[in-house]
Structures are given as structure tokens and as C-alpha cells.
Amino acid sequence: MDVVIYHNPACGTSRNTLALIRHVGIEPHVIEYLKTPPSRALVAQLVERMGGSVRDILREKGTPYADLGLSDTSLSDDQMLDAISAHPILMNRPIVVSPLGVKLCRPSETVLDLLPDHLANPFVKEDGQVILDA
């Protein structure tokens, strides 16, 4: 199965999501989106495939969200895409793409909806929370 994860290794949720993908035996294409940001067009395509809006993937914490006035609900998707293009940290993570769909995987266990159903071994997140139990 071909899986892509837009990943930030400094993010615990992103690390747990990556670990869950690997746990089921898939080695995904890992894109550290802060080092290699997706194009504006690709971000728009990901959002469209998720069936949501650009606002759904905006990250507030630790970003220039407030400074850029992104809480203004009158902003268009184009304006928010411009902001993400200029400041990739505004794109929330991790976003996972698989043949089963595209999702912003917060919390990390939502990635299970995008993976094959062959989880036999237990999985425990970094913080000790059990996601898959024997």
C-alpha cells in the first residue's frame, strides 16, 4: 500500500501517526513539509480530497496565525492558501494520504481509517496511551 505522510518530527502526534503506519508493516513516503513544503496547488488538492475547507487544516499553536489575522472568518480559501504557502508551519499535521483517503490525523489513531485492517500487535503511543491492545 502506498502511503504518504506530511510529517513534522518535532510533533508527538505526527511521530505517533508515523509509528502506527510502520506498525502495520507499511513504510510510507515521509515528507517533512517544513523542509519541503507542498505547493499551494497540492495543499488545495489535499483539502479537496479531505472534503473539508482550508480552515480545517490551519494550525494556530506555535504559528503566526493570530499575527496574520487568520481567525477572520471572511477570509477566502485563496487567502488562507496564500498564508500557508508563505508560512508552511500553518498547515496542521500530520496529513496522511493512502488509497483509502486523505485525512488530517489528529488524534494520531485516526490514521487507522486509512490503513489495512491487519493490526495484530498492541500499539502504545509515546505518552503511554494504549491504542491497540492485545
Protein backbone atom coordinates (compact mmCIF):
# COMPACT_ATOMS: atom_id res chain seq x y z
CA MET A 1 0.00 0.00 0.00
CA ASP A 2 1.34 3.39 -0.99
CA VAL A 3 1.06 5.90 1.88
CA VAL A 4 2.33 9.47 2.14
CA ILE A 5 2.63 11.37 5.42
CA TYR A 6 3.20 15.12 5.63
CA HIS A 7 5.25 14.96 8.80
CA ASN A 8 6.91 17.16 11.39
CA PRO A 9 9.35 15.13 13.51
CA ALA A 10 9.08 17.72 16.30
CA CYS A 11 5.37 16.89 16.74
CA GLY A 12 4.36 14.00 19.01
CA THR A 13 1.09 13.43 17.13
CA SER A 14 2.99 13.24 13.86
CA ARG A 15 5.56 10.83 15.34
CA ASN A 16 2.81 8.57 16.73
CA THR A 17 0.98 8.58 13.41
CA LEU A 18 4.17 7.62 11.57
CA ALA A 19 4.80 4.87 14.13
CA LEU A 20 1.27 3.48 13.65
CA ILE A 21 1.74 3.36 9.87
CA ARG A 22 5.02 1.49 10.30
CA HIS A 23 3.43 -0.73 12.97
CA VAL A 24 1.13 -2.25 10.33
CA GLY A 25 4.10 -3.00 8.09
CA ILE A 26 3.93 -0.03 5.74
CA GLU A 27 6.95 2.15 5.08
CA PRO A 28 5.38 5.43 3.99
CA HIS A 29 6.80 8.22 1.89
CA VAL A 30 7.70 10.72 4.60
CA ILE A 31 7.59 14.36 3.57
CA GLU A 32 8.94 16.72 6.18
CA TYR A 33 6.72 19.52 4.99
CA LEU A 34 8.66 22.27 6.78
CA LYS A 35 11.80 21.29 4.82
CA THR A 36 9.93 20.50 1.58
CA PRO A 37 6.63 22.39 1.65
CA PRO A 38 3.88 21.17 -0.66
CA SER A 39 2.88 23.58 -3.40
CA ARG A 40 -0.16 25.78 -2.98
CA ALA A 41 -1.96 23.66 -5.59
CA LEU A 42 -1.12 20.44 -3.75
CA VAL A 43 -2.38 21.82 -0.44
CA ALA A 44 -5.62 22.80 -2.17
CA GLN A 45 -5.89 19.32 -3.68
CA LEU A 46 -5.30 17.64 -0.29
CA VAL A 47 -8.02 19.78 1.30
CA GLU A 48 -10.41 18.95 -1.54
CA ARG A 49 -9.71 15.23 -1.19
CA MET A 50 -10.36 15.51 2.58
CA GLY A 51 -13.74 17.02 1.81
CA GLY A 52 -13.21 20.00 4.06
CA SER A 53 -12.05 23.57 3.87
CA VAL A 54 -8.63 25.15 4.08
CA ARG A 55 -9.59 26.46 7.52
CA ASP A 56 -9.83 22.81 8.67
CA ILE A 57 -6.07 22.36 8.29
CA LEU A 58 -4.92 25.69 9.74
CA ARG A 59 -2.75 25.36 12.83
CA GLU A 60 -2.91 28.09 15.47
CA LYS A 61 -0.48 26.94 18.17
CA GLY A 62 3.13 27.97 17.59
CA THR A 63 2.36 29.73 14.30
CA PRO A 64 1.79 33.29 13.02
CA TYR A 65 -1.96 32.52 12.84
CA ALA A 66 -3.00 35.39 15.14
CA ASP A 67 -0.46 37.85 13.74
CA LEU A 68 -1.79 37.22 10.22
CA GLY A 69 -5.42 37.68 11.31
CA LEU A 70 -6.39 34.19 10.15
CA SER A 71 -9.24 33.98 12.66
CA ASP A 72 -11.14 36.39 10.38
CA THR A 73 -13.95 34.19 9.04
CA SER A 74 -14.37 36.40 5.98
CA LEU A 75 -11.00 35.24 4.57
CA SER A 76 -11.29 33.17 1.42
CA ASP A 77 -9.67 29.79 0.87
CA ASP A 78 -7.31 31.53 -1.58
CA GLN A 79 -6.16 33.95 1.14
CA MET A 80 -5.59 31.11 3.59
CA LEU A 81 -3.72 29.08 0.94
CA ASP A 82 -1.51 32.11 0.33
CA ALA A 83 -0.75 32.26 4.06
CA ILE A 84 0.11 28.54 4.18
CA SER A 85 2.35 28.94 1.13
CA ALA A 86 4.21 31.79 2.83
CA HIS A 87 4.28 30.06 6.25
CA PRO A 88 4.14 26.23 5.91
CA ILE A 89 4.02 25.91 9.71
CA LEU A 90 0.37 26.99 9.39
CA MET A 91 -0.50 23.62 7.85
CA ASN A 92 -1.61 21.33 10.63
CA ARG A 93 -0.08 17.87 10.70
CA PRO A 94 0.13 15.09 10.06
CA ILE A 95 -1.79 14.79 6.85
CA VAL A 96 -1.83 11.22 5.53
CA VAL A 97 -2.66 10.11 2.01
CA SER A 98 -3.48 6.47 1.23
CA PRO A 99 -5.59 4.64 -1.34
CA LEU A 100 -8.34 4.74 1.31
CA GLY A 101 -8.42 8.55 1.53
CA VAL A 102 -6.78 11.67 2.87
CA LYS A 103 -7.01 12.85 6.48
CA LEU A 104 -5.57 15.24 8.98
CA CYS A 105 -4.69 12.61 11.58
CA ARG A 106 -5.35 14.34 14.87
CA PRO A 107 -5.53 12.37 17.09
CA SER A 108 -2.97 10.01 15.65
CA GLU A 109 -5.20 6.93 15.82
CA THR A 110 -7.47 8.39 13.11
CA VAL A 111 -4.82 7.13 10.68
CA LEU A 112 -6.23 3.64 11.27
CA ASP A 113 -9.14 4.56 8.97
CA LEU A 114 -6.60 4.89 6.13
CA LEU A 115 -4.73 1.64 6.74
CA PRO A 116 -5.49 -2.02 6.01
CA ASP A 117 -7.26 -3.90 8.77
CA HIS A 118 -4.46 -6.23 9.85
CA LEU A 119 -3.43 -4.93 13.24
CA ALA A 120 -2.49 -7.94 15.33
CA ASN A 121 0.07 -6.48 17.75
CA PRO A 122 -0.57 -3.97 20.53
CA PHE A 123 0.46 -0.35 19.99
CA VAL A 124 1.25 2.22 22.68
CA LYS A 125 1.74 5.91 21.94
CA GLU A 126 4.78 7.85 23.18
CA ASP A 127 2.79 9.11 26.18
CA GLY A 128 1.85 5.55 27.23
CA GLN A 129 -1.73 5.61 25.90
CA VAL A 130 -2.71 2.19 24.56
CA ILE A 131 -4.24 2.45 21.09
CA LEU A 132 -4.27 -1.21 20.09
CA ASP A 133 -4.45 -3.80 22.82
CA ALA A 134 -3.68 -7.49 22.52
